[in-house]
C-alpha cells in the first residue's frame, strides 16, 4: 500500500491511501460487467412491464366504477322524471295509477312486517 499526497482545489494537502480513495462508485480494479448491466436493464424492463400492467388494471377498475355510477345516475333521473310527472298529475287533480299501486304495495309490506314481528 502506497501513501500519496493529494492537493485539493483549495491548495491543502491530504494524505491518503491510493487503494482507499474517497471516490464513490465502482471499486478500483473491478470492471463493469456487461452481464450485470444486461441483468439490470432486464430487471428495469420487467419492472416497467409490471407497472404498466398495474396501471392498466387500475384504469379498467376505474372505467367499471364510472360505468356503474353512470347507470345509477340514469336510473335516478328516470325515477325523478316519474315523480315529477306524478306531481304534475296531482296538481291537476288526477291520482296516477302507478302511485296508487306503489302506496298499496307499501301497505302490504308493512302488514307483512307487523305479522312477522308478532
N, C-alpha and C. Protein backbone atom coordinates (compact mmCIF):
# COMPACT_ATOMS: atom_id res chain seq x y z
N UNK A 1 0.85 -1.16 0.00
CA UNK A 1 0.00 0.00 0.00
C UNK A 1 0.90 1.23 0.00
N UNK A 2 0.60 2.14 -0.94
CA UNK A 2 1.40 3.33 -1.08
C UNK A 2 0.66 4.52 -0.51
N UNK A 3 1.41 5.40 0.13
CA UNK A 3 0.86 6.65 0.60
C UNK A 3 1.06 7.69 -0.47
N UNK A 4 0.05 8.46 -0.65
CA UNK A 4 0.18 9.52 -1.65
C UNK A 4 -0.29 10.82 -1.03
N UNK A 5 0.19 11.88 -1.58
CA UNK A 5 -0.21 13.20 -1.12
C UNK A 5 -1.01 13.82 -2.24
N UNK A 6 -2.21 14.25 -1.89
CA UNK A 6 -3.08 14.86 -2.88
C UNK A 6 -3.32 16.31 -2.50
N UNK A 7 -3.43 17.14 -3.50
CA UNK A 7 -3.69 18.55 -3.28
C UNK A 7 -5.08 18.82 -3.84
N UNK A 8 -5.98 19.34 -2.97
CA UNK A 8 -7.32 19.63 -3.46
C UNK A 8 -7.35 21.03 -4.06
N UNK A 9 -8.52 21.46 -4.50
CA UNK A 9 -8.64 22.73 -5.21
C UNK A 9 -8.31 23.93 -4.35
N UNK A 10 -8.37 23.82 -3.02
CA UNK A 10 -8.05 24.95 -2.16
C UNK A 10 -6.56 25.02 -1.84
N UNK A 11 -5.79 24.05 -2.30
CA UNK A 11 -4.35 24.07 -2.09
C UNK A 11 -3.93 23.31 -0.86
N UNK A 12 -4.83 22.70 -0.14
CA UNK A 12 -4.46 21.93 1.05
C UNK A 12 -4.00 20.54 0.64
N UNK A 13 -3.08 20.03 1.41
CA UNK A 13 -2.59 18.69 1.13
C UNK A 13 -3.40 17.69 1.94
N UNK A 14 -3.69 16.56 1.33
CA UNK A 14 -4.42 15.50 2.01
C UNK A 14 -3.68 14.20 1.78
N UNK A 15 -3.31 13.55 2.89
CA UNK A 15 -2.61 12.27 2.78
C UNK A 15 -3.63 11.16 2.77
N UNK A 16 -3.40 10.17 1.96
CA UNK A 16 -4.34 9.07 1.90
C UNK A 16 -3.76 7.89 1.19
N UNK A 17 -4.42 6.83 1.29
CA UNK A 17 -4.01 5.60 0.64
C UNK A 17 -4.58 5.59 -0.77
N UNK A 18 -3.81 5.09 -1.70
CA UNK A 18 -4.28 5.06 -3.09
C UNK A 18 -5.39 4.03 -3.27
N UNK A 19 -5.43 3.00 -2.42
CA UNK A 19 -6.46 1.99 -2.58
C UNK A 19 -7.75 2.36 -1.83
N UNK A 20 -7.69 3.30 -0.92
CA UNK A 20 -8.87 3.69 -0.16
C UNK A 20 -9.22 5.13 -0.49
N UNK A 21 -9.45 5.43 -1.74
CA UNK A 21 -9.79 6.79 -2.16
C UNK A 21 -11.19 7.16 -1.70
N UNK A 22 -11.48 8.42 -1.74
CA UNK A 22 -12.79 8.89 -1.28
C UNK A 22 -13.80 8.92 -2.42
N UNK A 23 -13.43 8.35 -3.56
CA UNK A 23 -14.34 8.33 -4.69
C UNK A 23 -15.48 7.36 -4.44
N UNK A 24 -16.63 7.73 -4.95
CA UNK A 24 -17.77 6.83 -4.86
C UNK A 24 -17.95 6.16 -6.21
N UNK A 25 -18.67 5.08 -6.21
CA UNK A 25 -18.92 4.41 -7.47
C UNK A 25 -18.29 3.04 -7.49
N UNK A 26 -17.72 2.69 -8.64
CA UNK A 26 -17.11 1.37 -8.78
C UNK A 26 -15.90 1.23 -7.90
N UNK A 27 -15.66 0.01 -7.50
CA UNK A 27 -14.45 -0.28 -6.74
C UNK A 27 -13.28 -0.33 -7.71
N UNK A 28 -12.11 0.12 -7.29
CA UNK A 28 -10.95 0.08 -8.18
C UNK A 28 -10.60 -1.36 -8.55
N UNK A 29 -10.23 -1.54 -9.77
CA UNK A 29 -9.83 -2.86 -10.23
C UNK A 29 -11.01 -3.71 -10.68
N UNK A 30 -12.20 -3.23 -10.50
CA UNK A 30 -13.36 -4.01 -10.91
C UNK A 30 -13.98 -3.35 -12.13
N UNK A 31 -14.11 -4.11 -13.17
CA UNK A 31 -14.68 -3.60 -14.41
C UNK A 31 -16.19 -3.83 -14.39
N UNK A 32 -16.92 -2.89 -14.96
CA UNK A 32 -18.37 -3.06 -15.07
C UNK A 32 -18.67 -4.18 -16.03
N UNK A 33 -19.35 -5.16 -15.58
CA UNK A 33 -19.64 -6.33 -16.39
C UNK A 33 -20.85 -6.05 -17.29
N UNK A 34 -20.72 -6.45 -18.56
CA UNK A 34 -21.84 -6.28 -19.48
C UNK A 34 -23.01 -7.16 -19.04
N UNK A 35 -22.70 -8.30 -18.43
CA UNK A 35 -23.74 -9.20 -17.96
C UNK A 35 -24.53 -8.52 -16.85
N UNK A 36 -23.82 -7.83 -15.92
CA UNK A 36 -24.50 -7.12 -14.84
C UNK A 36 -25.39 -6.02 -15.41
N UNK A 37 -24.90 -5.29 -16.39
CA UNK A 37 -25.68 -4.21 -16.99
C UNK A 37 -26.90 -4.78 -17.71
N UNK A 38 -26.72 -5.90 -18.41
CA UNK A 38 -27.85 -6.50 -19.11
C UNK A 38 -28.91 -6.99 -18.12
N UNK A 39 -28.45 -7.58 -17.02
CA UNK A 39 -29.39 -8.04 -16.00
C UNK A 39 -30.13 -6.86 -15.38
N UNK A 40 -29.41 -5.79 -15.15
CA UNK A 40 -30.03 -4.59 -14.57
C UNK A 40 -31.06 -4.01 -15.55
N UNK A 41 -30.72 -3.96 -16.83
CA UNK A 41 -31.67 -3.46 -17.82
C UNK A 41 -32.90 -4.36 -17.92
N UNK A 42 -32.68 -5.66 -17.85
CA UNK A 42 -33.81 -6.59 -17.92
C UNK A 42 -34.72 -6.44 -16.71
N UNK A 43 -34.12 -6.26 -15.52
CA UNK A 43 -34.94 -6.03 -14.32
C UNK A 43 -35.74 -4.74 -14.46
N UNK A 44 -35.10 -3.73 -15.02
CA UNK A 44 -35.78 -2.45 -15.23
C UNK A 44 -36.94 -2.61 -16.22
N UNK A 45 -36.72 -3.33 -17.29
CA UNK A 45 -37.78 -3.57 -18.27
C UNK A 45 -38.94 -4.35 -17.66
N UNK A 46 -38.59 -5.36 -16.87
CA UNK A 46 -39.62 -6.17 -16.21
C UNK A 46 -40.43 -5.31 -15.24
N UNK A 47 -39.75 -4.47 -14.51
CA UNK A 47 -40.43 -3.58 -13.58
C UNK A 47 -41.37 -2.63 -14.33
N UNK A 48 -40.94 -2.14 -15.46
CA UNK A 48 -41.77 -1.24 -16.27
C UNK A 48 -42.98 -1.98 -16.81
N UNK A 49 -42.81 -3.24 -17.25
CA UNK A 49 -43.95 -4.04 -17.73
C UNK A 49 -44.97 -4.24 -16.62
N UNK A 50 -44.47 -4.57 -15.43
CA UNK A 50 -45.37 -4.79 -14.30
C UNK A 50 -46.10 -3.50 -13.93
N UNK A 51 -45.42 -2.40 -13.98
CA UNK A 51 -46.03 -1.10 -13.68
C UNK A 51 -47.14 -0.79 -14.68
N UNK A 52 -46.86 -1.03 -15.97
CA UNK A 52 -47.89 -0.78 -16.99
C UNK A 52 -49.09 -1.69 -16.79
N UNK A 53 -48.84 -2.94 -16.40
CA UNK A 53 -49.94 -3.88 -16.17
C UNK A 53 -50.80 -3.42 -14.98
N UNK A 54 -50.14 -2.96 -13.90
CA UNK A 54 -50.89 -2.45 -12.75
C UNK A 54 -51.71 -1.23 -13.14
N UNK A 55 -51.12 -0.37 -13.94
CA UNK A 55 -51.82 0.84 -14.39
C UNK A 55 -53.04 0.47 -15.23
N UNK A 56 -52.89 -0.51 -16.11
CA UNK A 56 -53.99 -0.95 -16.97
C UNK A 56 -55.14 -1.50 -16.12
N UNK A 57 -54.82 -2.31 -15.12
CA UNK A 57 -55.83 -2.87 -14.24
C UNK A 57 -56.54 -1.75 -13.46
N UNK A 58 -55.76 -0.79 -12.98
CA UNK A 58 -56.34 0.32 -12.23
C UNK A 58 -57.31 1.12 -13.10
N UNK A 59 -56.94 1.37 -14.35
CA UNK A 59 -57.82 2.12 -15.25
C UNK A 59 -59.07 1.32 -15.61
N UNK A 60 -58.93 -0.01 -15.76
CA UNK A 60 -60.10 -0.84 -16.01
C UNK A 60 -61.07 -0.77 -14.84
N UNK A 61 -60.52 -0.84 -13.63
CA UNK A 61 -61.36 -0.75 -12.44
C UNK A 61 -62.09 0.60 -12.40
N UNK A 62 -61.37 1.67 -12.68
CA UNK A 62 -61.99 3.00 -12.65
C UNK A 62 -63.04 3.14 -13.75
N UNK A 63 -62.79 2.57 -14.93
CA UNK A 63 -63.78 2.60 -16.01
C UNK A 63 -65.06 1.88 -15.59
N UNK A 64 -64.91 0.72 -14.94
CA UNK A 64 -66.09 -0.02 -14.47
C UNK A 64 -66.84 0.78 -13.41
N UNK A 65 -66.09 1.43 -12.54
CA UNK A 65 -66.70 2.24 -11.49
C UNK A 65 -67.50 3.39 -12.09
N UNK A 66 -66.93 4.05 -13.08
CA UNK A 66 -67.62 5.15 -13.76
C UNK A 66 -68.87 4.65 -14.46
N UNK A 67 -68.78 3.51 -15.14
CA UNK A 67 -69.94 2.95 -15.84
C UNK A 67 -71.06 2.63 -14.86
N UNK A 68 -70.71 2.05 -13.71
CA UNK A 68 -71.72 1.73 -12.70
C UNK A 68 -72.39 3.00 -12.17
N UNK A 69 -71.58 4.01 -11.93
CA UNK A 69 -72.14 5.28 -11.43
C UNK A 69 -73.03 5.93 -12.47
N UNK A 70 -72.65 5.85 -13.74
CA UNK A 70 -73.48 6.44 -14.80
C UNK A 70 -74.82 5.72 -14.89
N UNK A 71 -74.81 4.38 -14.73
CA UNK A 71 -76.07 3.63 -14.73
C UNK A 71 -76.95 4.08 -13.57
N UNK A 72 -76.34 4.26 -12.40
CA UNK A 72 -77.11 4.70 -11.23
C UNK A 72 -77.71 6.08 -11.46
N UNK A 73 -76.93 6.97 -12.07
CA UNK A 73 -77.42 8.32 -12.35
C UNK A 73 -78.60 8.26 -13.31
N UNK A 74 -78.51 7.45 -14.36
CA UNK A 74 -79.61 7.32 -15.31
C UNK A 74 -80.87 6.77 -14.64
N UNK A 75 -80.69 5.79 -13.77
CA UNK A 75 -81.82 5.21 -13.05
C UNK A 75 -82.47 6.27 -12.15
N UNK A 76 -81.67 7.05 -11.46
CA UNK A 76 -82.21 8.10 -10.59
C UNK A 76 -82.91 9.20 -11.38
N UNK A 77 -82.38 9.54 -12.54
CA UNK A 77 -83.03 10.55 -13.38
C UNK A 77 -84.39 10.06 -13.86
N UNK A 78 -84.43 8.77 -14.22
CA UNK A 78 -85.68 8.17 -14.67
C UNK A 78 -86.72 8.22 -13.54
N UNK A 79 -86.28 7.88 -12.34
CA UNK A 79 -87.16 7.92 -11.18
C UNK A 79 -87.62 9.35 -10.89
N UNK A 80 -86.72 10.30 -11.00
CA UNK A 80 -87.06 11.70 -10.78
C UNK A 80 -88.09 12.18 -11.80
N UNK A 81 -87.91 11.79 -13.05
CA UNK A 81 -88.89 12.16 -14.09
C UNK A 81 -90.27 11.59 -13.77
N UNK A 82 -90.30 10.35 -13.28
CA UNK A 82 -91.56 9.71 -12.94
C UNK A 82 -92.25 10.49 -11.81
N UNK A 83 -91.49 10.84 -10.76
CA UNK A 83 -92.08 11.57 -9.64
C UNK A 83 -92.51 12.97 -10.06
N UNK A 84 -91.77 13.59 -10.95
CA UNK A 84 -92.15 14.92 -11.46
C UNK A 84 -93.47 14.84 -12.21
N UNK A 85 -93.60 13.80 -13.01
CA UNK A 85 -94.85 13.60 -13.76
C UNK A 85 -96.01 13.33 -12.81
N UNK A 86 -95.77 12.55 -11.76
CA UNK A 86 -96.81 12.30 -10.77
C UNK A 86 -97.23 13.60 -10.10
N UNK A 87 -96.27 14.44 -9.76
CA UNK A 87 -96.58 15.71 -9.10
C UNK A 87 -97.44 16.59 -10.01
N UNK A 88 -97.12 16.60 -11.29
CA UNK A 88 -97.94 17.39 -12.24
C UNK A 88 -99.37 16.85 -12.31
N UNK A 89 -99.48 15.53 -12.32
CA UNK A 89 -100.81 14.92 -12.36
C UNK A 89 -101.60 15.25 -11.10
N UNK A 90 -100.92 15.18 -9.94
CA UNK A 90 -101.60 15.51 -8.68
C UNK A 90 -102.03 16.97 -8.65
N UNK A 91 -101.19 17.86 -9.23
CA UNK A 91 -101.55 19.28 -9.30
C UNK A 91 -102.81 19.49 -10.13
N UNK A 92 -103.01 18.61 -11.12
CA UNK A 92 -104.19 18.69 -11.98
C UNK A 92 -105.39 17.98 -11.36
N UNK A 93 -105.17 17.35 -10.21
CA UNK A 93 -106.26 16.67 -9.53
C UNK A 93 -106.42 15.22 -9.91
N UNK A 94 -105.47 14.66 -10.64
CA UNK A 94 -105.54 13.26 -11.07
C UNK A 94 -104.51 12.46 -10.29
N UNK A 95 -104.96 11.36 -9.69
CA UNK A 95 -104.02 10.50 -8.96
C UNK A 95 -103.49 9.45 -9.93
N UNK A 96 -102.19 9.41 -10.13
CA UNK A 96 -101.62 8.42 -11.07
C UNK A 96 -101.83 6.99 -10.57
N UNK A 97 -102.15 6.11 -11.49
CA UNK A 97 -102.39 4.70 -11.16
C UNK A 97 -101.14 4.06 -10.55
N UNK A 98 -99.99 4.38 -11.09
CA UNK A 98 -98.73 3.81 -10.57
C UNK A 98 -98.48 4.25 -9.13
N UNK A 99 -98.88 5.48 -8.80
CA UNK A 99 -98.71 5.97 -7.43
C UNK A 99 -99.61 5.19 -6.48
N UNK A 100 -100.84 4.93 -6.90
CA UNK A 100 -101.75 4.14 -6.07
C UNK A 100 -101.21 2.73 -5.85
N UNK A 101 -100.68 2.13 -6.90
CA UNK A 101 -100.10 0.78 -6.79
C UNK A 101 -98.92 0.78 -5.83
N UNK A 102 -98.13 1.83 -5.89
CA UNK A 102 -96.96 1.92 -5.01
C UNK A 102 -97.40 2.05 -3.55
N UNK A 103 -98.43 2.84 -3.30
CA UNK A 103 -98.94 3.01 -1.93
C UNK A 103 -99.49 1.68 -1.42
N UNK A 104 -100.24 0.97 -2.24
CA UNK A 104 -100.79 -0.32 -1.84
C UNK A 104 -99.68 -1.33 -1.55
N UNK A 105 -98.64 -1.32 -2.36
CA UNK A 105 -97.50 -2.23 -2.15
C UNK A 105 -96.81 -1.93 -0.82
N UNK A 106 -96.66 -0.68 -0.50
CA UNK A 106 -96.03 -0.29 0.78
C UNK A 106 -96.90 -0.75 1.95
N UNK A 107 -98.22 -0.63 1.82
CA UNK A 107 -99.12 -1.08 2.88
C UNK A 107 -98.98 -2.59 3.09
N UNK A 108 -98.88 -3.35 2.01
CA UNK A 108 -98.70 -4.81 2.11
C UNK A 108 -97.39 -5.16 2.81
N UNK A 109 -96.36 -4.44 2.47
CA UNK A 109 -95.05 -4.69 3.11
C UNK A 109 -95.12 -4.43 4.61
N UNK A 110 -95.79 -3.35 5.00
CA UNK A 110 -95.91 -3.03 6.43
C UNK A 110 -96.72 -4.09 7.16
N UNK A 111 -97.79 -4.58 6.54
CA UNK A 111 -98.60 -5.63 7.16
C UNK A 111 -97.80 -6.91 7.36
N UNK A 112 -97.03 -7.29 6.35
CA UNK A 112 -96.18 -8.48 6.48
C UNK A 112 -95.14 -8.30 7.57
N UNK A 113 -94.60 -7.13 7.66
CA UNK A 113 -93.58 -6.83 8.67
C UNK A 113 -94.19 -6.92 10.06
N UNK A 114 -95.39 -6.37 10.22
CA UNK A 114 -96.06 -6.42 11.51
C UNK A 114 -96.39 -7.86 11.91
N UNK A 115 -96.83 -8.67 10.95
CA UNK A 115 -97.16 -10.07 11.24
C UNK A 115 -95.93 -10.87 11.63
N UNK A 116 -94.79 -10.56 11.01
CA UNK A 116 -93.55 -11.27 11.33
C UNK A 116 -93.05 -10.91 12.72
N UNK A 117 -93.30 -9.70 13.16
CA UNK A 117 -92.84 -9.26 14.48
C UNK A 117 -93.70 -9.86 15.60
N UNK A 118 -94.92 -10.28 15.31
CA UNK A 118 -95.81 -10.85 16.32
C UNK A 118 -95.45 -12.24 16.69
